[in-house]
Amino acid sequence: MTVITLIFLLLLLGCSGQGKYEPRNGDIVFQTSLSAQSLAIQLATKSPYSHMGIVYIRNGHPFVFEAVQVVKVTPLHEWVRRGKHGHFVVKRLINAESVLTAETIQKMQAIGEKFVGRDYDVYFEWSDDRLYCSELVWKIFKRGAGVKIGRLEKLGDFDLSAPAVQAKVRERLGKNPPLNETVISPAEMFASSKLGTVYEK
């Protein structure tokens, strides 16, 4: 095998997207949830991704810190299995090497520990009493790393016209939803220019 052929094969393999994911502290993972509200979130935000969390390495094993019912830590393989078709996308701060230092990761984890056990926020309120998935991730990065990932929006900025969305809004928020409530969606964070995709399955 010539050197040129070897280089070509290495490039081909490197671009195939079939490489193994090597988790790092602070990676952000996205998936399409199979929860009852997932379709409404996808329609309202124009994105297939309706759930997310932060990757942390503990004793050499990857876990996902997430807000479900309740805020908790889940082994990465279990988290992946819960998503639609086992598909997930991993994003990472483009300047992670300089920003996500050991000290910063420790601070992020300490902030997150304060939220462990809190209920999932089905009302999507911008408070720390209850939290939804993207709110949890956004607040940890903001407070722990000083990084705002994604633009904060208002509930009324979303497309609430689809019947499935309207039904879920009425169920959770009643006939007069708080359209001025501050929110952050998985879609907005997924699209952030501060993140780069490092893996997709």
N, C-alpha and C. Protein backbone atom coordinates (compact mmCIF):
# COMPACT_ATOMS: atom_id res chain seq x y z
N MET A 1 0.85 -1.20 0.00
CA MET A 1 0.00 0.00 0.00
C MET A 1 0.89 1.25 0.00
N THR A 2 0.62 2.15 -0.91
CA THR A 2 1.42 3.37 -1.00
C THR A 2 1.02 4.34 0.10
N VAL A 3 1.89 5.31 0.36
CA VAL A 3 1.61 6.32 1.38
C VAL A 3 0.36 7.12 1.01
N ILE A 4 0.22 7.43 -0.28
CA ILE A 4 -0.94 8.21 -0.75
C ILE A 4 -2.23 7.44 -0.51
N THR A 5 -2.21 6.13 -0.78
CA THR A 5 -3.40 5.30 -0.57
C THR A 5 -3.76 5.24 0.91
N LEU A 6 -2.73 5.12 1.76
CA LEU A 6 -2.95 5.06 3.20
C LEU A 6 -3.58 6.36 3.71
N ILE A 7 -3.05 7.48 3.24
CA ILE A 7 -3.59 8.79 3.64
C ILE A 7 -5.04 8.91 3.21
N PHE A 8 -5.34 8.48 1.99
CA PHE A 8 -6.71 8.55 1.46
C PHE A 8 -7.66 7.73 2.34
N LEU A 9 -7.23 6.53 2.72
CA LEU A 9 -8.08 5.67 3.53
C LEU A 9 -8.32 6.28 4.91
N LEU A 10 -7.29 6.87 5.47
CA LEU A 10 -7.43 7.51 6.78
C LEU A 10 -8.39 8.68 6.72
N LEU A 11 -8.29 9.47 5.65
CA LEU A 11 -9.20 10.59 5.47
C LEU A 11 -10.63 10.11 5.29
N LEU A 12 -10.80 9.03 4.54
CA LEU A 12 -12.13 8.47 4.28
C LEU A 12 -12.76 8.00 5.58
N LEU A 13 -11.97 7.29 6.39
CA LEU A 13 -12.48 6.81 7.66
C LEU A 13 -12.79 7.96 8.60
N GLY A 14 -11.94 8.97 8.57
CA GLY A 14 -12.13 10.11 9.45
C GLY A 14 -13.37 10.91 9.10
N CYS A 15 -13.80 10.86 7.86
CA CYS A 15 -14.97 11.63 7.43
C CYS A 15 -16.25 10.81 7.40
N SER A 16 -16.14 9.54 7.78
CA SER A 16 -17.30 8.66 7.64
C SER A 16 -18.35 8.89 8.71
N GLY A 17 -17.97 9.54 9.84
CA GLY A 17 -18.92 9.77 10.91
C GLY A 17 -19.18 8.53 11.75
N GLN A 18 -18.42 7.43 11.50
CA GLN A 18 -18.62 6.19 12.21
C GLN A 18 -17.62 5.99 13.34
N GLY A 19 -16.80 7.02 13.62
CA GLY A 19 -15.83 6.90 14.69
C GLY A 19 -16.51 6.80 16.05
N LYS A 20 -15.75 6.41 17.06
CA LYS A 20 -16.29 6.26 18.40
C LYS A 20 -16.34 7.60 19.11
N TYR A 21 -17.42 7.83 19.82
CA TYR A 21 -17.55 9.06 20.59
C TYR A 21 -16.66 8.96 21.83
N GLU A 22 -15.85 9.98 22.03
CA GLU A 22 -15.00 10.07 23.21
C GLU A 22 -15.52 11.20 24.10
N PRO A 23 -16.33 10.85 25.09
CA PRO A 23 -16.98 11.86 25.93
C PRO A 23 -15.99 12.74 26.68
N ARG A 24 -16.36 14.00 26.83
CA ARG A 24 -15.59 14.95 27.63
C ARG A 24 -16.52 15.69 28.57
N ASN A 25 -15.98 16.09 29.70
CA ASN A 25 -16.76 16.90 30.63
C ASN A 25 -17.25 18.17 29.94
N GLY A 26 -18.55 18.44 30.08
CA GLY A 26 -19.10 19.66 29.51
C GLY A 26 -19.67 19.50 28.11
N ASP A 27 -19.55 18.32 27.51
CA ASP A 27 -20.21 18.10 26.22
C ASP A 27 -21.72 18.24 26.41
N ILE A 28 -22.40 18.69 25.37
CA ILE A 28 -23.85 18.84 25.42
C ILE A 28 -24.47 17.87 24.43
N VAL A 29 -25.39 17.04 24.91
CA VAL A 29 -25.99 16.02 24.07
C VAL A 29 -27.46 16.33 23.80
N PHE A 30 -27.88 16.07 22.57
CA PHE A 30 -29.25 16.34 22.13
C PHE A 30 -29.87 15.06 21.57
N GLN A 31 -31.16 14.90 21.79
CA GLN A 31 -31.87 13.76 21.22
C GLN A 31 -33.34 14.13 21.00
N THR A 32 -34.04 13.27 20.28
CA THR A 32 -35.49 13.40 20.12
C THR A 32 -36.14 12.54 21.19
N SER A 33 -36.76 13.18 22.13
CA SER A 33 -37.37 12.46 23.24
C SER A 33 -38.62 11.71 22.78
N LEU A 34 -38.94 10.65 23.50
CA LEU A 34 -40.18 9.90 23.24
C LEU A 34 -41.26 10.27 24.25
N SER A 35 -41.08 11.38 24.94
CA SER A 35 -42.05 11.82 25.94
C SER A 35 -43.33 12.33 25.28
N ALA A 36 -44.37 12.48 26.08
CA ALA A 36 -45.67 12.93 25.57
C ALA A 36 -45.62 14.34 25.00
N GLN A 37 -44.70 15.17 25.48
CA GLN A 37 -44.65 16.55 25.02
C GLN A 37 -43.68 16.78 23.88
N SER A 38 -42.94 15.74 23.48
CA SER A 38 -41.87 15.91 22.51
C SER A 38 -42.37 16.48 21.17
N LEU A 39 -43.46 15.94 20.65
CA LEU A 39 -43.97 16.41 19.36
C LEU A 39 -44.32 17.89 19.42
N ALA A 40 -44.94 18.32 20.50
CA ALA A 40 -45.32 19.73 20.63
C ALA A 40 -44.08 20.62 20.65
N ILE A 41 -43.03 20.18 21.34
CA ILE A 41 -41.79 20.96 21.38
C ILE A 41 -41.16 21.03 20.00
N GLN A 42 -41.16 19.92 19.28
CA GLN A 42 -40.57 19.90 17.93
C GLN A 42 -41.32 20.84 16.99
N LEU A 43 -42.63 20.81 17.06
CA LEU A 43 -43.43 21.66 16.18
C LEU A 43 -43.28 23.14 16.54
N ALA A 44 -43.26 23.44 17.82
CA ALA A 44 -43.18 24.83 18.26
C ALA A 44 -41.82 25.45 17.97
N THR A 45 -40.76 24.64 18.02
CA THR A 45 -39.40 25.16 17.85
C THR A 45 -38.80 24.86 16.49
N LYS A 46 -39.54 24.12 15.65
CA LYS A 46 -39.07 23.78 14.29
C LYS A 46 -37.76 22.99 14.34
N SER A 47 -37.68 22.06 15.27
CA SER A 47 -36.45 21.28 15.44
C SER A 47 -36.81 19.86 15.84
N PRO A 48 -36.04 18.87 15.37
CA PRO A 48 -36.30 17.49 15.79
C PRO A 48 -35.84 17.20 17.21
N TYR A 49 -35.00 18.08 17.76
CA TYR A 49 -34.41 17.81 19.07
C TYR A 49 -35.24 18.44 20.18
N SER A 50 -35.67 17.58 21.10
CA SER A 50 -36.57 18.04 22.16
C SER A 50 -36.04 17.77 23.56
N HIS A 51 -34.86 17.17 23.66
CA HIS A 51 -34.28 16.92 24.98
C HIS A 51 -32.76 17.04 24.92
N MET A 52 -32.16 17.42 26.04
CA MET A 52 -30.71 17.64 26.08
C MET A 52 -30.18 17.51 27.50
N GLY A 53 -28.86 17.42 27.61
CA GLY A 53 -28.23 17.34 28.92
C GLY A 53 -26.74 17.61 28.80
N ILE A 54 -26.04 17.58 29.93
CA ILE A 54 -24.60 17.83 29.97
C ILE A 54 -23.88 16.54 30.33
N VAL A 55 -22.81 16.25 29.62
CA VAL A 55 -22.01 15.05 29.90
C VAL A 55 -20.97 15.36 30.98
N TYR A 56 -20.87 14.45 31.94
CA TYR A 56 -19.82 14.49 32.95
C TYR A 56 -19.19 13.10 33.05
N ILE A 57 -17.90 13.08 33.31
CA ILE A 57 -17.20 11.82 33.49
C ILE A 57 -17.03 11.57 34.98
N ARG A 58 -17.52 10.41 35.44
CA ARG A 58 -17.41 10.05 36.84
C ARG A 58 -16.79 8.66 36.96
N ASN A 59 -15.66 8.58 37.65
CA ASN A 59 -14.95 7.32 37.80
C ASN A 59 -14.69 6.64 36.45
N GLY A 60 -14.39 7.48 35.46
CA GLY A 60 -14.05 6.97 34.14
C GLY A 60 -15.23 6.64 33.26
N HIS A 61 -16.46 6.88 33.73
CA HIS A 61 -17.66 6.54 32.95
C HIS A 61 -18.47 7.80 32.65
N PRO A 62 -19.05 7.89 31.43
CA PRO A 62 -19.83 9.08 31.07
C PRO A 62 -21.27 9.02 31.57
N PHE A 63 -21.71 10.13 32.11
CA PHE A 63 -23.08 10.28 32.58
C PHE A 63 -23.67 11.55 31.96
N VAL A 64 -25.00 11.63 31.96
CA VAL A 64 -25.69 12.83 31.48
C VAL A 64 -26.46 13.46 32.64
N PHE A 65 -26.16 14.72 32.90
CA PHE A 65 -26.90 15.48 33.91
C PHE A 65 -28.08 16.10 33.20
N GLU A 66 -29.30 15.77 33.63
CA GLU A 66 -30.49 16.16 32.88
C GLU A 66 -31.65 16.50 33.79
N ALA A 67 -32.60 17.23 33.21
CA ALA A 67 -33.85 17.53 33.91
C ALA A 67 -34.94 16.69 33.28
N VAL A 68 -35.31 15.65 33.97
CA VAL A 68 -36.51 14.88 33.62
C VAL A 68 -37.38 14.97 34.87
N GLN A 69 -38.04 13.92 35.25
CA GLN A 69 -38.73 13.94 36.53
C GLN A 69 -38.00 12.97 37.45
N VAL A 70 -36.95 13.39 38.08
CA VAL A 70 -36.55 14.73 38.50
C VAL A 70 -35.20 15.07 37.87
N VAL A 71 -34.58 16.21 38.30
CA VAL A 71 -33.22 16.51 37.88
C VAL A 71 -32.30 15.43 38.45
N LYS A 72 -31.52 14.79 37.56
CA LYS A 72 -30.70 13.67 38.02
C LYS A 72 -29.56 13.39 37.05
N VAL A 73 -28.73 12.43 37.45
CA VAL A 73 -27.62 11.97 36.62
C VAL A 73 -27.98 10.60 36.07
N THR A 74 -27.78 10.42 34.75
CA THR A 74 -28.14 9.17 34.08
C THR A 74 -26.93 8.65 33.29
N PRO A 75 -26.61 7.37 33.40
CA PRO A 75 -25.52 6.82 32.56
C PRO A 75 -25.79 7.14 31.09
N LEU A 76 -24.74 7.52 30.37
CA LEU A 76 -24.91 7.94 28.97
C LEU A 76 -25.60 6.88 28.12
N HIS A 77 -25.23 5.62 28.29
CA HIS A 77 -25.83 4.58 27.44
C HIS A 77 -27.33 4.45 27.69
N GLU A 78 -27.76 4.67 28.93
CA GLU A 78 -29.19 4.63 29.23
C GLU A 78 -29.89 5.84 28.62
N TRP A 79 -29.23 6.99 28.70
CA TRP A 79 -29.80 8.22 28.15
C TRP A 79 -29.99 8.08 26.64
N VAL A 80 -28.99 7.53 25.95
CA VAL A 80 -29.07 7.34 24.50
C VAL A 80 -30.21 6.39 24.16
N ARG A 81 -30.34 5.33 24.92
CA ARG A 81 -31.37 4.32 24.64
C ARG A 81 -32.78 4.88 24.76
N ARG A 82 -32.96 5.90 25.60
CA ARG A 82 -34.29 6.49 25.79
C ARG A 82 -34.74 7.32 24.60
N GLY A 83 -33.81 7.77 23.76
CA GLY A 83 -34.16 8.65 22.64
C GLY A 83 -34.69 7.88 21.44
N LYS A 84 -35.27 8.60 20.52
CA LYS A 84 -35.83 8.00 19.32
C LYS A 84 -34.74 7.36 18.47
N HIS A 85 -34.88 6.06 18.23
CA HIS A 85 -33.95 5.27 17.41
C HIS A 85 -32.51 5.30 17.93
N GLY A 86 -32.32 5.71 19.17
CA GLY A 86 -30.97 5.77 19.72
C GLY A 86 -30.11 6.86 19.08
N HIS A 87 -30.76 7.77 18.35
CA HIS A 87 -30.03 8.85 17.68
C HIS A 87 -29.72 9.97 18.66
N PHE A 88 -28.50 10.49 18.59
CA PHE A 88 -28.15 11.64 19.41
C PHE A 88 -27.02 12.42 18.76
N VAL A 89 -26.92 13.69 19.13
CA VAL A 89 -25.88 14.57 18.61
C VAL A 89 -25.12 15.15 19.79
N VAL A 90 -23.79 15.19 19.65
CA VAL A 90 -22.94 15.76 20.70
C VAL A 90 -22.35 17.07 20.21
N LYS A 91 -22.53 18.11 20.99
CA LYS A 91 -21.92 19.40 20.67
C LYS A 91 -20.98 19.81 21.79
N ARG A 92 -20.02 20.66 21.44
CA ARG A 92 -18.99 21.06 22.40
C ARG A 92 -18.66 22.53 22.16
N LEU A 93 -18.37 23.26 23.24
CA LEU A 93 -17.93 24.64 23.07
C LEU A 93 -16.73 24.67 22.13
N ILE A 94 -16.74 25.60 21.18
CA ILE A 94 -15.64 25.65 20.22
C ILE A 94 -14.32 26.04 20.89
N ASN A 95 -14.41 26.69 22.05
CA ASN A 95 -13.22 27.04 22.81
C ASN A 95 -13.17 26.28 24.13
N ALA A 96 -13.66 25.04 24.10
CA ALA A 96 -13.77 24.24 25.31
C ALA A 96 -12.43 24.04 26.01
N GLU A 97 -11.35 23.90 25.24
CA GLU A 97 -10.04 23.63 25.83
C GLU A 97 -9.63 24.74 26.80
N SER A 98 -9.97 25.98 26.47
CA SER A 98 -9.58 27.10 27.33
C SER A 98 -10.64 27.47 28.35
N VAL A 99 -11.91 27.21 28.04
CA VAL A 99 -13.00 27.63 28.93
C VAL A 99 -13.33 26.57 29.98
N LEU A 100 -13.45 25.33 29.53
CA LEU A 100 -13.89 24.27 30.44
C LEU A 100 -12.70 23.64 31.16
N THR A 101 -12.08 24.43 32.00
CA THR A 101 -10.97 23.95 32.81
C THR A 101 -11.51 23.04 33.92
N ALA A 102 -10.62 22.33 34.58
CA ALA A 102 -11.03 21.47 35.68
C ALA A 102 -11.76 22.26 36.75
N GLU A 103 -11.28 23.46 37.02
CA GLU A 103 -11.91 24.32 38.03
C GLU A 103 -13.32 24.73 37.60
N THR A 104 -13.47 25.06 36.31
CA THR A 104 -14.78 25.47 35.80
C THR A 104 -15.77 24.30 35.82
N ILE A 105 -15.32 23.13 35.40
CA ILE A 105 -16.19 21.96 35.43
C ILE A 105 -16.64 21.67 36.85
N GLN A 106 -15.72 21.80 37.79
CA GLN A 106 -16.06 21.57 39.20
C GLN A 106 -17.12 22.57 39.66
N LYS A 107 -17.00 23.82 39.24
CA LYS A 107 -17.97 24.84 39.60
C LYS A 107 -19.33 24.53 38.97
N MET A 108 -19.33 24.11 37.70
CA MET A 108 -20.57 23.75 37.02
C MET A 108 -21.27 22.60 37.74
N GLN A 109 -20.50 21.61 38.13
CA GLN A 109 -21.07 20.46 38.82
C GLN A 109 -21.64 20.85 40.18
N ALA A 110 -20.95 21.75 40.87
CA ALA A 110 -21.42 22.20 42.18
C ALA A 110 -22.75 22.95 42.04
N ILE A 111 -22.86 23.75 41.00
CA ILE A 111 -24.12 24.47 40.75
C ILE A 111 -25.22 23.48 40.44
N GLY A 112 -24.92 22.50 39.61
CA GLY A 112 -25.90 21.49 39.26
C GLY A 112 -26.36 20.67 40.45
N GLU A 113 -25.47 20.38 41.38
CA GLU A 113 -25.82 19.58 42.54
C GLU A 113 -26.94 20.22 43.35
N LYS A 114 -27.01 21.55 43.31
CA LYS A 114 -28.07 22.24 44.05
C LYS A 114 -29.45 21.97 43.46
N PHE A 115 -29.47 21.55 42.19
CA PHE A 115 -30.74 21.30 41.51
C PHE A 115 -31.18 19.83 41.58
N VAL A 116 -30.30 18.94 41.99
CA VAL A 116 -30.61 17.51 41.99
C VAL A 116 -31.87 17.23 42.82
N GLY A 117 -32.77 16.46 42.24
CA GLY A 117 -34.00 16.09 42.93
C GLY A 117 -35.16 17.05 42.73
N ARG A 118 -34.90 18.18 42.07
CA ARG A 118 -36.00 19.13 41.84
C ARG A 118 -36.89 18.62 40.71
N ASP A 119 -38.16 18.96 40.80
CA ASP A 119 -39.14 18.49 39.83
C ASP A 119 -38.90 19.09 38.45
N TYR A 120 -39.36 18.35 37.45
CA TYR A 120 -39.36 18.87 36.08
C TYR A 120 -40.39 19.98 35.98
N ASP A 121 -40.06 21.03 35.28
CA ASP A 121 -40.96 22.18 35.17
C ASP A 121 -41.87 22.05 33.96
N VAL A 122 -43.07 21.53 34.18
CA VAL A 122 -44.03 21.35 33.09
C VAL A 122 -44.64 22.68 32.65
N TYR A 123 -44.41 23.74 33.44
CA TYR A 123 -44.98 25.05 33.11
C TYR A 123 -43.97 25.97 32.42
N PHE A 124 -42.73 25.51 32.30
CA PHE A 124 -41.67 26.26 31.62
C PHE A 124 -41.51 27.68 32.18
N GLU A 125 -41.43 27.76 33.50
CA GLU A 125 -41.22 29.04 34.16
C GLU A 125 -39.72 29.28 34.36
N TRP A 126 -39.33 30.55 34.35
CA TRP A 126 -37.91 30.89 34.48
C TRP A 126 -37.57 31.11 35.95
N SER A 127 -37.65 30.06 36.71
CA SER A 127 -37.27 30.11 38.12
C SER A 127 -36.47 28.86 38.42
N ASP A 128 -35.85 28.80 39.61
CA ASP A 128 -35.06 27.64 39.97
C ASP A 128 -35.85 26.62 40.78
N ASP A 129 -37.12 26.88 41.00
CA ASP A 129 -37.93 25.96 41.81
C ASP A 129 -38.11 24.62 41.10
N ARG A 130 -38.38 24.70 39.81
CA ARG A 130 -38.48 23.52 38.94
C ARG A 130 -37.71 23.86 37.68
N LEU A 131 -37.20 22.84 36.99
CA LEU A 131 -36.41 23.12 35.79
C LEU A 131 -36.73 22.15 34.66
N TYR A 132 -36.69 22.67 33.43
CA TYR A 132 -36.79 21.80 32.26
C TYR A 132 -35.39 21.65 31.65
N CYS A 133 -35.25 20.76 30.70
CA CYS A 133 -33.91 20.32 30.28
C CYS A 133 -33.00 21.44 29.78
N SER A 134 -33.46 22.23 28.84
CA SER A 134 -32.60 23.27 28.28
C SER A 134 -32.35 24.39 29.28
N GLU A 135 -33.31 24.66 30.14
CA GLU A 135 -33.14 25.66 31.19
C GLU A 135 -32.01 25.24 32.13
N LEU A 136 -31.99 23.97 32.51
CA LEU A 136 -30.95 23.45 33.40
C LEU A 136 -29.57 23.63 32.78
N VAL A 137 -29.42 23.23 31.52
CA VAL A 137 -28.13 23.33 30.85
C VAL A 137 -27.71 24.78 30.68
N TRP A 138 -28.63 25.62 30.27
CA TRP A 138 -28.31 27.04 30.05
C TRP A 138 -27.83 27.69 31.34
N LYS A 139 -28.54 27.45 32.44
CA LYS A 139 -28.20 28.09 33.71
C LYS A 139 -26.86 27.59 34.26
N ILE A 140 -26.57 26.32 34.07
CA ILE A 140 -25.30 25.78 34.56
C ILE A 140 -24.13 26.39 33.79
N PHE A 141 -24.26 26.49 32.47
CA PHE A 141 -23.18 27.09 31.68
C PHE A 141 -23.04 28.58 31.99
N LYS A 142 -24.15 29.27 32.17
CA LYS A 142 -24.10 30.71 32.45
C LYS A 142 -23.48 30.96 33.82
N ARG A 143 -23.93 30.25 34.83
CA ARG A 143 -23.49 30.51 36.19
C ARG A 143 -22.13 29.86 36.51
N GLY A 144 -21.86 28.74 35.85
CA GLY A 144 -20.63 28.02 36.15
C GLY A 144 -19.46 28.38 35.26
N ALA A 145 -19.75 28.69 33.99
CA ALA A 145 -18.68 28.97 33.03
C ALA A 145 -18.74 30.38 32.47
N GLY A 146 -19.80 31.12 32.82
CA GLY A 146 -19.95 32.48 32.30
C GLY A 146 -20.26 32.52 30.82
N VAL A 147 -20.88 31.46 30.30
CA VAL A 147 -21.17 31.36 28.87
C VAL A 147 -22.68 31.26 28.65
N LYS A 148 -23.21 32.14 27.81
CA LYS A 148 -24.62 32.08 27.43
C LYS A 148 -24.73 31.33 26.11
N ILE A 149 -25.32 30.16 26.15
CA ILE A 149 -25.47 29.35 24.94
C ILE A 149 -26.89 29.48 24.43
N GLY A 150 -27.05 30.19 23.34
CA GLY A 150 -28.38 30.41 22.79
C GLY A 150 -29.01 31.69 23.33
N ARG A 151 -29.91 32.21 22.56
CA ARG A 151 -30.59 33.47 22.89
C ARG A 151 -31.86 33.18 23.68
N LEU A 152 -32.01 33.85 24.81
CA LEU A 152 -33.24 33.70 25.57
C LEU A 152 -34.41 34.26 24.76
N GLU A 153 -35.52 33.55 24.81
CA GLU A 153 -36.70 33.94 24.04
C GLU A 153 -37.89 34.13 24.97
N LYS A 154 -39.03 34.43 24.36
CA LYS A 154 -40.29 34.47 25.08
C LYS A 154 -41.17 33.34 24.56
N LEU A 155 -42.05 32.85 25.40
CA LEU A 155 -42.93 31.76 24.98
C LEU A 155 -43.68 32.13 23.71
N GLY A 156 -44.06 33.39 23.61
CA GLY A 156 -44.81 33.84 22.43
C GLY A 156 -43.99 33.87 21.15
N ASP A 157 -42.67 33.70 21.24
CA ASP A 157 -41.83 33.67 20.04
C ASP A 157 -41.98 32.35 19.29
N PHE A 158 -42.46 31.31 19.97
CA PHE A 158 -42.58 30.00 19.34
C PHE A 158 -43.82 29.94 18.46
N ASP A 159 -43.83 28.98 17.56
CA ASP A 159 -44.99 28.75 16.70
C ASP A 159 -45.98 27.88 17.48
N LEU A 160 -47.02 28.51 17.96
CA LEU A 160 -48.00 27.80 18.78
C LEU A 160 -49.26 27.44 18.00
N SER A 161 -49.16 27.45 16.68
CA SER A 161 -50.35 27.29 15.85
C SER A 161 -50.78 25.84 15.63
N ALA A 162 -49.87 24.89 15.70
CA ALA A 162 -50.21 23.49 15.44
C ALA A 162 -51.18 22.98 16.51
N PRO A 163 -52.15 22.15 16.12
CA PRO A 163 -53.12 21.61 17.08
C PRO A 163 -52.45 20.88 18.26
N ALA A 164 -51.40 20.12 17.97
CA ALA A 164 -50.72 19.39 19.04
C ALA A 164 -50.07 20.34 20.03
N VAL A 165 -49.58 21.46 19.53
CA VAL A 165 -48.97 22.47 20.41
C VAL A 165 -50.05 23.16 21.23
N GLN A 166 -51.12 23.56 20.58
CA GLN A 166 -52.21 24.25 21.27
C GLN A 166 -52.80 23.38 22.37
N ALA A 167 -52.94 22.08 22.09
CA ALA A 167 -53.50 21.16 23.08
C ALA A 167 -52.59 21.06 24.30
N LYS A 168 -51.28 20.98 24.06
CA LYS A 168 -50.34 20.87 25.18
C LYS A 168 -50.28 22.18 25.97
N VAL A 169 -50.35 23.32 25.27
CA VAL A 169 -50.35 24.62 25.96
C VAL A 169 -51.58 24.76 26.84
N ARG A 170 -52.75 24.38 26.32
CA ARG A 170 -53.98 24.47 27.12
C ARG A 170 -53.91 23.54 28.33
N GLU A 171 -53.35 22.35 28.11
CA GLU A 171 -53.24 21.38 29.19
C GLU A 171 -52.34 21.88 30.32
N ARG A 172 -51.24 22.50 29.94
CA ARG A 172 -50.25 22.92 30.94
C ARG A 172 -50.49 24.34 31.45
N LEU A 173 -50.88 25.24 30.54
CA LEU A 173 -50.89 26.67 30.87
C LEU A 173 -52.26 27.33 30.84
N GLY A 174 -53.29 26.59 30.45
CA GLY A 174 -54.63 27.14 30.42
C GLY A 174 -54.92 27.96 29.16
N LYS A 175 -56.01 28.70 29.19
CA LYS A 175 -56.45 29.45 28.02
C LYS A 175 -55.66 30.73 27.79
N ASN A 176 -55.01 31.22 28.82
CA ASN A 176 -54.24 32.45 28.69
C ASN A 176 -52.78 32.20 29.09
N PRO A 177 -52.00 31.55 28.23
CA PRO A 177 -50.61 31.23 28.56
C PRO A 177 -49.76 32.49 28.71
N PRO A 178 -48.75 32.45 29.56
CA PRO A 178 -47.88 33.62 29.79
C PRO A 178 -46.90 33.79 28.63
N LEU A 179 -47.33 34.45 27.58
CA LEU A 179 -46.54 34.57 26.36
C LEU A 179 -45.26 35.36 26.56
N ASN A 180 -45.17 36.13 27.63
CA ASN A 180 -43.96 36.91 27.90
C ASN A 180 -42.98 36.20 28.83
N GLU A 181 -43.27 34.95 29.16
CA GLU A 181 -42.37 34.18 30.02
C GLU A 181 -41.05 33.90 29.30
N THR A 182 -39.94 34.14 29.99
CA THR A 182 -38.62 33.87 29.42
C THR A 182 -38.41 32.36 29.30
N VAL A 183 -37.92 31.95 28.14
CA VAL A 183 -37.68 30.52 27.90
C VAL A 183 -36.39 30.34 27.09
N ILE A 184 -35.85 29.13 27.15
CA ILE A 184 -34.74 28.75 26.29
C ILE A 184 -35.06 27.35 25.77
N SER A 185 -34.93 27.15 24.48
CA SER A 185 -35.29 25.86 23.89
C SER A 185 -34.06 25.06 23.49
N PRO A 186 -34.19 23.73 23.41
CA PRO A 186 -33.09 22.91 22.88
C PRO A 186 -32.70 23.36 21.48
N ALA A 187 -33.67 23.78 20.68
CA ALA A 187 -33.40 24.21 19.31
C ALA A 187 -32.49 25.42 19.27
N GLU A 188 -32.75 26.38 20.13
CA GLU A 188 -31.94 27.60 20.16
C GLU A 188 -30.51 27.30 20.60
N MET A 189 -30.36 26.41 21.56
CA MET A 189 -29.03 26.05 22.03
C MET A 189 -28.30 25.21 20.99
N PHE A 190 -29.03 24.34 20.32
CA PHE A 190 -28.43 23.50 19.27
C PHE A 190 -27.84 24.37 18.16
N ALA A 191 -28.51 25.47 17.85
CA ALA A 191 -28.10 26.33 16.75
C ALA A 191 -27.03 27.35 17.14
N SER A 192 -26.63 27.37 18.40
CA SER A 192 -25.67 28.37 18.86
C SER A 192 -24.33 28.27 18.13
N SER A 193 -23.81 29.44 17.73
CA SER A 193 -22.52 29.49 17.05
C SER A 193 -21.36 29.21 18.02
N LYS A 194 -21.67 29.14 19.30
CA LYS A 194 -20.62 28.87 20.29
C LYS A 194 -20.33 27.38 20.41
N LEU A 195 -21.15 26.56 19.74
CA LEU A 195 -20.99 25.12 19.81
C LEU A 195 -20.59 24.54 18.45
N GLY A 196 -19.84 23.47 18.48
CA GLY A 196 -19.51 22.73 17.28
C GLY A 196 -19.91 21.27 17.46
N THR A 197 -20.37 20.64 16.40
CA THR A 197 -20.76 19.24 16.47
C THR A 197 -19.52 18.35 16.45
N VAL A 198 -19.41 17.45 17.43
CA VAL A 198 -18.25 16.56 17.50
C VAL A 198 -18.62 15.11 17.25
N TYR A 199 -19.92 14.79 17.31
CA TYR A 199 -20.35 13.41 17.07
C TYR A 199 -21.83 13.38 16.79
N GLU A 200 -22.21 12.44 15.94
CA GLU A 200 -23.64 12.19 15.68
C GLU A 200 -23.84 10.73 15.36
N LYS A 201 -24.87 10.19 15.94
CA LYS A 201 -25.20 8.78 15.69
C LYS A 201 -26.66 8.66 15.31
